[in-house]
């Protein structure tokens, strides 16, 4: 597993899913739509899902991560402080 980020915020996009920020570090390679991820919540739950898309957000300041979109979860399942890992074999 490869550590991607610790969730700082989650935004809902109606009929699309939830955007997780900060997201995928620009330094990470091979992470894209379809990549399986594991979210470990602060209370120890483990949620398996996959990245649906990568969001390009221009918030007027330099960013070193790209927020990503997930489905098949609820906002309540993505608490602040959860750790996100890419489920990549061999890492």
PDB file of N, CA and C in Angstrom:
ATOM      1  N   UNK A   1       0.845  -1.182   0.000  1.00  0.00           N
ATOM      2  CA  UNK A   1       0.000   0.000   0.000  1.00  0.00           C
ATOM      3  C   UNK A   1       0.887   1.242   0.000  1.00  0.00           C
ATOM      4  N   UNK A   2       0.420   2.262  -0.692  1.00  0.00           N
ATOM      5  CA  UNK A   2       1.156   3.518  -0.778  1.00  0.00           C
ATOM      6  C   UNK A   2       0.319   4.621  -0.142  1.00  0.00           C
ATOM      7  N   UNK A   3       0.871   5.290   0.868  1.00  0.00           N
ATOM      8  CA  UNK A   3       0.164   6.378   1.528  1.00  0.00           C
ATOM      9  C   UNK A   3      -0.030   7.529   0.551  1.00  0.00           C
ATOM     10  N   UNK A   4      -1.272   8.031   0.465  1.00  0.00           N
ATOM     11  CA  UNK A   4      -1.568   9.159  -0.410  1.00  0.00           C
ATOM     12  C   UNK A   4      -1.774  10.451   0.370  1.00  0.00           C
ATOM     13  N   UNK A   5      -2.629  10.400   1.394  1.00  0.00           N
ATOM     14  CA  UNK A   5      -2.918  11.622   2.138  1.00  0.00           C
ATOM     15  C   UNK A   5      -3.721  11.307   3.394  1.00  0.00           C
ATOM     16  N   UNK A   6      -3.825  12.316   4.233  1.00  0.00           N
ATOM     17  CA  UNK A   6      -4.744  12.291   5.362  1.00  0.00           C
ATOM     18  C   UNK A   6      -5.869  13.250   5.005  1.00  0.00           C
ATOM     19  N   UNK A   7      -7.097  12.792   5.101  1.00  0.00           N
ATOM     20  CA  UNK A   7      -8.242  13.603   4.672  1.00  0.00           C
ATOM     21  C   UNK A   7      -8.341  14.875   5.514  1.00  0.00           C
ATOM     22  N   UNK A   8      -8.372  16.013   4.807  1.00  0.00           N
ATOM     23  CA  UNK A   8      -8.546  17.321   5.444  1.00  0.00           C
ATOM     24  C   UNK A   8      -9.937  17.882   5.199  1.00  0.00           C
ATOM     25  N   UNK A   9     -10.564  17.486   4.084  1.00  0.00           N
ATOM     26  CA  UNK A   9     -11.907  17.963   3.765  1.00  0.00           C
ATOM     27  C   UNK A   9     -12.535  17.050   2.737  1.00  0.00           C
ATOM     28  N   UNK A  10     -13.872  17.039   2.712  1.00  0.00           N
ATOM     29  CA  UNK A  10     -14.637  16.236   1.765  1.00  0.00           C
ATOM     30  C   UNK A  10     -15.769  17.113   1.242  1.00  0.00           C
ATOM     31  N   UNK A  11     -15.921  17.150  -0.078  1.00  0.00           N
ATOM     32  CA  UNK A  11     -16.970  17.932  -0.715  1.00  0.00           C
ATOM     33  C   UNK A  11     -17.858  17.006  -1.531  1.00  0.00           C
ATOM     34  N   UNK A  12     -19.160  17.260  -1.510  1.00  0.00           N
ATOM     35  CA  UNK A  12     -20.071  16.461  -2.328  1.00  0.00           C
ATOM     36  C   UNK A  12     -20.323  17.167  -3.649  1.00  0.00           C
ATOM     37  N   UNK A  13     -20.275  16.416  -4.730  1.00  0.00           N
ATOM     38  CA  UNK A  13     -20.703  16.902  -6.038  1.00  0.00           C
ATOM     39  C   UNK A  13     -21.944  16.089  -6.379  1.00  0.00           C
ATOM     40  N   UNK A  14     -23.090  16.750  -6.425  1.00  0.00           N
ATOM     41  CA  UNK A  14     -24.363  16.065  -6.655  1.00  0.00           C
ATOM     42  C   UNK A  14     -24.290  15.129  -7.843  1.00  0.00           C
ATOM     43  N   UNK A  15     -24.787  13.946  -7.664  1.00  0.00           N
ATOM     44  CA  UNK A  15     -24.872  12.866  -8.651  1.00  0.00           C
ATOM     45  C   UNK A  15     -23.516  12.365  -9.159  1.00  0.00           C
ATOM     46  N   UNK A  16     -22.417  12.850  -8.547  1.00  0.00           N
ATOM     47  CA  UNK A  16     -21.088  12.371  -8.959  1.00  0.00           C
ATOM     48  C   UNK A  16     -20.380  11.610  -7.852  1.00  0.00           C
ATOM     49  N   UNK A  17     -20.463  12.111  -6.636  1.00  0.00           N
ATOM     50  CA  UNK A  17     -19.771  11.470  -5.530  1.00  0.00           C
ATOM     51  C   UNK A  17     -19.135  12.493  -4.618  1.00  0.00           C
ATOM     52  N   UNK A  18     -18.047  12.098  -3.980  1.00  0.00           N
ATOM     53  CA  UNK A  18     -17.378  12.947  -2.991  1.00  0.00           C
ATOM     54  C   UNK A  18     -15.940  13.212  -3.406  1.00  0.00           C
ATOM     55  N   UNK A  19     -15.539  14.477  -3.274  1.00  0.00           N
ATOM     56  CA  UNK A  19     -14.174  14.882  -3.565  1.00  0.00           C
ATOM     57  C   UNK A  19     -13.399  14.870  -2.263  1.00  0.00           C
ATOM     58  N   UNK A  20     -12.287  14.167  -2.249  1.00  0.00           N
ATOM     59  CA  UNK A  20     -11.429  14.055  -1.073  1.00  0.00           C
ATOM     60  C   UNK A  20     -10.228  14.978  -1.259  1.00  0.00           C
ATOM     61  N   UNK A  21      -9.991  15.813  -0.254  1.00  0.00           N
ATOM     62  CA  UNK A  21      -8.847  16.739  -0.297  1.00  0.00           C
ATOM     63  C   UNK A  21      -7.977  16.501   0.925  1.00  0.00           C
ATOM     64  N   UNK A  22      -6.662  16.592   0.818  1.00  0.00           N
ATOM     65  CA  UNK A  22      -5.953  17.200  -0.293  1.00  0.00           C
ATOM     66  C   UNK A  22      -5.865  16.322  -1.530  1.00  0.00           C
ATOM     67  N   UNK A  23      -5.784  15.019  -1.425  1.00  0.00           N
ATOM     68  CA  UNK A  23      -5.816  14.154  -2.589  1.00  0.00           C
ATOM     69  C   UNK A  23      -4.499  13.472  -2.904  1.00  0.00           C
ATOM     70  N   UNK A  24      -4.279  13.237  -4.190  1.00  0.00           N
ATOM     71  CA  UNK A  24      -3.117  12.494  -4.667  1.00  0.00           C
ATOM     72  C   UNK A  24      -1.926  13.443  -4.783  1.00  0.00           C
ATOM     73  N   UNK A  25      -0.810  13.140  -4.130  1.00  0.00           N
ATOM     74  CA  UNK A  25       0.368  13.993  -4.288  1.00  0.00           C
ATOM     75  C   UNK A  25       0.840  13.975  -5.744  1.00  0.00           C
ATOM     76  N   UNK A  26       1.239  15.130  -6.248  1.00  0.00           N
ATOM     77  CA  UNK A  26       1.748  15.190  -7.619  1.00  0.00           C
ATOM     78  C   UNK A  26       2.968  14.296  -7.801  1.00  0.00           C
ATOM     79  N   UNK A  27       3.682  14.029  -6.717  1.00  0.00           N
ATOM     80  CA  UNK A  27       4.878  13.177  -6.808  1.00  0.00           C
ATOM     81  C   UNK A  27       4.534  11.690  -6.963  1.00  0.00           C
ATOM     82  N   UNK A  28       3.282  11.302  -6.702  1.00  0.00           N
ATOM     83  CA  UNK A  28       2.870   9.896  -6.827  1.00  0.00           C
ATOM     84  C   UNK A  28       2.693   9.554  -8.298  1.00  0.00           C
ATOM     85  N   UNK A  29       3.208   8.426  -8.706  1.00  0.00           N
ATOM     86  CA  UNK A  29       3.067   8.006 -10.097  1.00  0.00           C
ATOM     87  C   UNK A  29       2.163   6.783 -10.179  1.00  0.00           C
ATOM     88  N   UNK A  30       1.454   6.664 -11.287  1.00  0.00           N
ATOM     89  CA  UNK A  30       0.620   5.498 -11.528  1.00  0.00           C
ATOM     90  C   UNK A  30      -0.724   5.513 -10.827  1.00  0.00           C
ATOM     91  N   UNK A  31      -1.068   6.608 -10.150  1.00  0.00           N
ATOM     92  CA  UNK A  31      -2.360   6.705  -9.463  1.00  0.00           C
ATOM     93  C   UNK A  31      -3.306   7.460 -10.381  1.00  0.00           C
ATOM     94  N   UNK A  32      -4.447   6.844 -10.711  1.00  0.00           N
ATOM     95  CA  UNK A  32      -5.383   7.457 -11.651  1.00  0.00           C
ATOM     96  C   UNK A  32      -6.775   6.900 -11.402  1.00  0.00           C
ATOM     97  N   UNK A  33      -7.740   7.329 -12.210  1.00  0.00           N
ATOM     98  CA  UNK A  33      -9.094   6.793 -12.112  1.00  0.00           C
ATOM     99  C   UNK A  33      -9.030   5.279 -12.246  1.00  0.00           C
ATOM    100  N   UNK A  34      -9.733   4.602 -11.377  1.00  0.00           N
ATOM    101  CA  UNK A  34      -9.742   3.137 -11.372  1.00  0.00           C
ATOM    102  C   UNK A  34      -8.817   2.524 -10.338  1.00  0.00           C
ATOM    103  N   UNK A  35      -7.891   3.323  -9.787  1.00  0.00           N
ATOM    104  CA  UNK A  35      -6.982   2.807  -8.767  1.00  0.00           C
ATOM    105  C   UNK A  35      -7.766   2.464  -7.507  1.00  0.00           C
ATOM    106  N   UNK A  36      -7.568   1.285  -6.975  1.00  0.00           N
ATOM    107  CA  UNK A  36      -8.212   0.879  -5.714  1.00  0.00           C
ATOM    108  C   UNK A  36      -7.536   1.603  -4.560  1.00  0.00           C
ATOM    109  N   UNK A  37      -8.361   2.064  -3.614  1.00  0.00           N
ATOM    110  CA  UNK A  37      -7.822   2.730  -2.438  1.00  0.00           C
ATOM    111  C   UNK A  37      -8.417   2.121  -1.178  1.00  0.00           C
ATOM    112  N   UNK A  38      -7.691   2.299  -0.094  1.00  0.00           N
ATOM    113  CA  UNK A  38      -8.147   1.870   1.228  1.00  0.00           C
ATOM    114  C   UNK A  38      -8.131   3.098   2.118  1.00  0.00           C
ATOM    115  N   UNK A  39      -9.245   3.335   2.785  1.00  0.00           N
ATOM    116  CA  UNK A  39      -9.368   4.469   3.705  1.00  0.00           C
ATOM    117  C   UNK A  39      -9.438   3.901   5.112  1.00  0.00           C
ATOM    118  N   UNK A  40      -8.496   4.301   5.954  1.00  0.00           N
ATOM    119  CA  UNK A  40      -8.482   3.876   7.353  1.00  0.00           C
ATOM    120  C   UNK A  40      -8.939   5.053   8.199  1.00  0.00           C
ATOM    121  N   UNK A  41     -10.093   4.899   8.850  1.00  0.00           N
ATOM    122  CA  UNK A  41     -10.665   5.975   9.646  1.00  0.00           C
ATOM    123  C   UNK A  41      -9.982   6.050  11.012  1.00  0.00           C
ATOM    124  N   UNK A  42     -10.098   7.197  11.686  1.00  0.00           N
ATOM    125  CA  UNK A  42      -9.479   7.328  13.005  1.00  0.00           C
ATOM    126  C   UNK A  42      -9.963   6.280  14.015  1.00  0.00           C
ATOM    127  N   UNK A  43     -11.199   5.767  13.841  1.00  0.00           N
ATOM    128  CA  UNK A  43     -11.705   4.765  14.785  1.00  0.00           C
ATOM    129  C   UNK A  43     -11.356   3.330  14.374  1.00  0.00           C
ATOM    130  N   UNK A  44     -10.519   3.185  13.327  1.00  0.00           N
ATOM    131  CA  UNK A  44     -10.027   1.865  12.954  1.00  0.00           C
ATOM    132  C   UNK A  44     -10.782   1.149  11.853  1.00  0.00           C
ATOM    133  N   UNK A  45     -11.852   1.749  11.338  1.00  0.00           N
ATOM    134  CA  UNK A  45     -12.562   1.106  10.226  1.00  0.00           C
ATOM    135  C   UNK A  45     -11.712   1.170   8.967  1.00  0.00           C
ATOM    136  N   UNK A  46     -11.915   0.186   8.115  1.00  0.00           N
ATOM    137  CA  UNK A  46     -11.170   0.098   6.857  1.00  0.00           C
ATOM    138  C   UNK A  46     -12.190   0.037   5.722  1.00  0.00           C
ATOM    139  N   UNK A  47     -12.123   1.019   4.821  1.00  0.00           N
ATOM    140  CA  UNK A  47     -13.081   1.119   3.723  1.00  0.00           C
ATOM    141  C   UNK A  47     -12.324   0.927   2.409  1.00  0.00           C
ATOM    142  N   UNK A  48     -12.808   0.017   1.579  1.00  0.00           N
ATOM    143  CA  UNK A  48     -12.194  -0.215   0.279  1.00  0.00           C
ATOM    144  C   UNK A  48     -13.107   0.352  -0.801  1.00  0.00           C
ATOM    145  N   UNK A  49     -12.532   1.172  -1.673  1.00  0.00           N
ATOM    146  CA  UNK A  49     -13.265   1.765  -2.792  1.00  0.00           C
ATOM    147  C   UNK A  49     -12.251   2.047  -3.886  1.00  0.00           C
ATOM    148  N   UNK A  50     -12.603   2.848  -4.854  1.00  0.00           N
ATOM    149  CA  UNK A  50     -11.641   3.195  -5.907  1.00  0.00           C
ATOM    150  C   UNK A  50     -11.826   4.645  -6.331  1.00  0.00           C
ATOM    151  N   UNK A  51     -10.791   5.185  -6.920  1.00  0.00           N
ATOM    152  CA  UNK A  51     -10.821   6.560  -7.426  1.00  0.00           C
ATOM    153  C   UNK A  51     -11.644   6.561  -8.709  1.00  0.00           C
ATOM    154  N   UNK A  52     -12.627   7.467  -8.764  1.00  0.00           N
ATOM    155  CA  UNK A  52     -13.484   7.579  -9.940  1.00  0.00           C
ATOM    156  C   UNK A  52     -12.923   8.616 -10.904  1.00  0.00           C
ATOM    157  N   UNK A  53     -12.344   9.674 -10.365  1.00  0.00           N
ATOM    158  CA  UNK A  53     -11.785  10.725 -11.204  1.00  0.00           C
ATOM    159  C   UNK A  53     -10.868  11.607 -10.389  1.00  0.00           C
ATOM    160  N   UNK A  54     -10.081  12.405 -11.084  1.00  0.00           N
ATOM    161  CA  UNK A  54      -9.163  13.333 -10.435  1.00  0.00           C
ATOM    162  C   UNK A  54      -9.651  14.736 -10.761  1.00  0.00           C
ATOM    163  N   UNK A  55      -9.789  15.563  -9.742  1.00  0.00           N
ATOM    164  CA  UNK A  55     -10.312  16.915  -9.908  1.00  0.00           C
ATOM    165  C   UNK A  55      -9.183  17.912 -10.093  1.00  0.00           C
ATOM    166  N   UNK A  56      -9.388  18.864 -10.961  1.00  0.00           N
ATOM    167  CA  UNK A  56      -8.424  19.941 -11.167  1.00  0.00           C
ATOM    168  C   UNK A  56      -9.049  21.208 -10.588  1.00  0.00           C
ATOM    169  N   UNK A  57      -8.541  21.647  -9.466  1.00  0.00           N
ATOM    170  CA  UNK A  57      -9.100  22.793  -8.752  1.00  0.00           C
ATOM    171  C   UNK A  57      -8.072  23.913  -8.755  1.00  0.00           C
ATOM    172  N   UNK A  58      -8.505  25.110  -9.144  1.00  0.00           N
ATOM    173  CA  UNK A  58      -7.637  26.280  -9.092  1.00  0.00           C
ATOM    174  C   UNK A  58      -8.154  27.176  -7.981  1.00  0.00           C
ATOM    175  N   UNK A  59      -7.512  27.117  -6.831  1.00  0.00           N
ATOM    176  CA  UNK A  59      -7.960  27.892  -5.687  1.00  0.00           C
ATOM    177  C   UNK A  59      -7.098  29.135  -5.469  1.00  0.00           C
ATOM    178  N   UNK A  60      -6.284  29.485  -6.459  1.00  0.00           N
ATOM    179  CA  UNK A  60      -5.487  30.689  -6.375  1.00  0.00           C
ATOM    180  C   UNK A  60      -4.194  30.559  -5.603  1.00  0.00           C
ATOM    181  N   UNK A  61      -3.855  29.354  -5.171  1.00  0.00           N
ATOM    182  CA  UNK A  61      -2.592  29.151  -4.466  1.00  0.00           C
ATOM    183  C   UNK A  61      -1.948  27.873  -4.987  1.00  0.00           C
ATOM    184  N   UNK A  62      -0.633  27.787  -4.898  1.00  0.00           N
ATOM    185  CA  UNK A  62       0.035  26.560  -5.372  1.00  0.00           C
ATOM    186  C   UNK A  62      -0.441  25.337  -4.585  1.00  0.00           C
ATOM    187  N   UNK A  63      -0.618  24.252  -5.288  1.00  0.00           N
ATOM    188  CA  UNK A  63      -1.038  22.999  -4.650  1.00  0.00           C
ATOM    189  C   UNK A  63      -0.039  21.913  -5.007  1.00  0.00           C
ATOM    190  N   UNK A  64       0.124  20.945  -4.112  1.00  0.00           N
ATOM    191  CA  UNK A  64       1.003  19.822  -4.417  1.00  0.00           C
ATOM    192  C   UNK A  64       0.242  18.497  -4.417  1.00  0.00           C
ATOM    193  N   UNK A  65      -1.101  18.592  -4.400  1.00  0.00           N
ATOM    194  CA  UNK A  65      -1.966  17.420  -4.452  1.00  0.00           C
ATOM    195  C   UNK A  65      -3.107  17.684  -5.440  1.00  0.00           C
ATOM    196  N   UNK A  66      -3.676  16.621  -5.978  1.00  0.00           N
ATOM    197  CA  UNK A  66      -4.852  16.708  -6.833  1.00  0.00           C
ATOM    198  C   UNK A  66      -6.005  15.994  -6.128  1.00  0.00           C
ATOM    199  N   UNK A  67      -7.037  16.729  -5.696  1.00  0.00           N
ATOM    200  CA  UNK A  67      -8.186  16.075  -5.061  1.00  0.00           C
ATOM    201  C   UNK A  67      -8.784  15.022  -5.998  1.00  0.00           C
ATOM    202  N   UNK A  68      -9.383  13.972  -5.412  1.00  0.00           N
ATOM    203  CA  UNK A  68      -9.950  12.914  -6.239  1.00  0.00           C
ATOM    204  C   UNK A  68     -11.378  12.622  -5.824  1.00  0.00           C
ATOM    205  N   UNK A  69     -12.114  11.985  -6.733  1.00  0.00           N
ATOM    206  CA  UNK A  69     -13.531  11.705  -6.565  1.00  0.00           C
ATOM    207  C   UNK A  69     -13.736  10.222  -6.265  1.00  0.00           C
ATOM    208  N   UNK A  70     -14.606   9.928  -5.280  1.00  0.00           N
ATOM    209  CA  UNK A  70     -14.976   8.546  -4.954  1.00  0.00           C
ATOM    210  C   UNK A  70     -16.492   8.422  -4.917  1.00  0.00           C
ATOM    211  N   UNK A  71     -16.986   7.211  -5.158  1.00  0.00           N
ATOM    212  CA  UNK A  71     -18.409   6.893  -5.042  1.00  0.00           C
ATOM    213  C   UNK A  71     -18.537   5.683  -4.129  1.00  0.00           C
ATOM    214  N   UNK A  72     -19.738   5.225  -3.962  1.00  0.00           N
ATOM    215  CA  UNK A  72     -20.059   4.041  -3.155  1.00  0.00           C
ATOM    216  C   UNK A  72     -19.662   4.217  -1.691  1.00  0.00           C
ATOM    217  N   UNK A  73     -19.555   5.467  -1.252  1.00  0.00           N
ATOM    218  CA  UNK A  73     -19.321   5.804   0.149  1.00  0.00           C
ATOM    219  C   UNK A  73     -20.218   6.992   0.490  1.00  0.00           C
ATOM    220  N   UNK A  74     -20.350   7.270   1.779  1.00  0.00           N
ATOM    221  CA  UNK A  74     -21.065   8.466   2.203  1.00  0.00           C
ATOM    222  C   UNK A  74     -20.062   9.416   2.851  1.00  0.00           C
ATOM    223  N   UNK A  75     -20.455  10.662   3.003  1.00  0.00           N
ATOM    224  CA  UNK A  75     -19.562  11.631   3.629  1.00  0.00           C
ATOM    225  C   UNK A  75     -19.236  11.206   5.055  1.00  0.00           C
ATOM    226  N   UNK A  76     -20.185  10.608   5.735  1.00  0.00           N
ATOM    227  CA  UNK A  76     -19.962  10.147   7.109  1.00  0.00           C
ATOM    228  C   UNK A  76     -18.886   9.071   7.185  1.00  0.00           C
ATOM    229  N   UNK A  77     -18.663   8.357   6.087  1.00  0.00           N
ATOM    230  CA  UNK A  77     -17.647   7.306   6.052  1.00  0.00           C
ATOM    231  C   UNK A  77     -16.248   7.867   5.817  1.00  0.00           C
ATOM    232  N   UNK A  78     -16.138   9.184   5.572  1.00  0.00           N
ATOM    233  CA  UNK A  78     -14.870   9.821   5.224  1.00  0.00           C
ATOM    234  C   UNK A  78     -14.517  10.918   6.231  1.00  0.00           C
ATOM    235  N   UNK A  79     -14.357  10.577   7.507  1.00  0.00           N
ATOM    236  CA  UNK A  79     -14.085  11.613   8.496  1.00  0.00           C
ATOM    237  C   UNK A  79     -12.711  12.261   8.327  1.00  0.00           C
ATOM    238  N   UNK A  80     -12.639  13.515   8.723  1.00  0.00           N
ATOM    239  CA  UNK A  80     -11.372  14.238   8.725  1.00  0.00           C
ATOM    240  C   UNK A  80     -10.372  13.428   9.556  1.00  0.00           C
ATOM    241  N   UNK A  81      -9.144  13.337   9.078  1.00  0.00           N
ATOM    242  CA  UNK A  81      -8.114  12.578   9.777  1.00  0.00           C
ATOM    243  C   UNK A  81      -7.948  11.150   9.297  1.00  0.00           C
ATOM    244  N   UNK A  82      -8.869  10.682   8.438  1.00  0.00           N
ATOM    245  CA  UNK A  82      -8.728   9.342   7.870  1.00  0.00           C
ATOM    246  C   UNK A  82      -7.500   9.324   6.965  1.00  0.00           C
ATOM    247  N   UNK A  83      -6.831   8.186   6.910  1.00  0.00           N
ATOM    248  CA  UNK A  83      -5.638   8.038   6.073  1.00  0.00           C
ATOM    249  C   UNK A  83      -6.013   7.251   4.821  1.00  0.00           C
ATOM    250  N   UNK A  84      -5.537   7.730   3.674  1.00  0.00           N
ATOM    251  CA  UNK A  84      -5.881   7.124   2.389  1.00  0.00           C
ATOM    252  C   UNK A  84      -4.638   6.481   1.789  1.00  0.00           C
ATOM    253  N   UNK A  85      -4.792   5.229   1.373  1.00  0.00           N
ATOM    254  CA  UNK A  85      -3.697   4.471   0.764  1.00  0.00           C
ATOM    255  C   UNK A  85      -4.123   3.952  -0.601  1.00  0.00           C
ATOM    256  N   UNK A  86      -3.217   3.960  -1.553  1.00  0.00           N
ATOM    257  CA  UNK A  86      -3.455   3.303  -2.844  1.00  0.00           C
ATOM    258  C   UNK A  86      -3.171   1.820  -2.620  1.00  0.00           C
ATOM    259  N   UNK A  87      -4.075   0.978  -3.062  1.00  0.00           N
ATOM    260  CA  UNK A  87      -3.934  -0.459  -2.904  1.00  0.00           C
ATOM    261  C   UNK A  87      -3.182  -1.009  -4.112  1.00  0.00           C
ATOM    262  N   UNK A  88      -1.868  -0.784  -4.093  1.00  0.00           N
ATOM    263  CA  UNK A  88      -1.012  -1.185  -5.211  1.00  0.00           C
ATOM    264  C   UNK A  88      -0.130  -2.337  -4.753  1.00  0.00           C
ATOM    265  N   UNK A  89      -0.157  -3.421  -5.492  1.00  0.00           N
ATOM    266  CA  UNK A  89       0.657  -4.591  -5.139  1.00  0.00           C
ATOM    267  C   UNK A  89       2.138  -4.221  -5.118  1.00  0.00           C
ATOM    268  N   UNK A  90       2.816  -4.707  -4.098  1.00  0.00           N
ATOM    269  CA  UNK A  90       4.250  -4.516  -4.009  1.00  0.00           C
ATOM    270  C   UNK A  90       4.691  -3.232  -3.357  1.00  0.00           C
ATOM    271  N   UNK A  91       3.743  -2.434  -2.833  1.00  0.00           N
ATOM    272  CA  UNK A  91       4.141  -1.187  -2.170  1.00  0.00           C
ATOM    273  C   UNK A  91       3.743  -1.201  -0.718  1.00  0.00           C
TER     274      UNK A  91
END
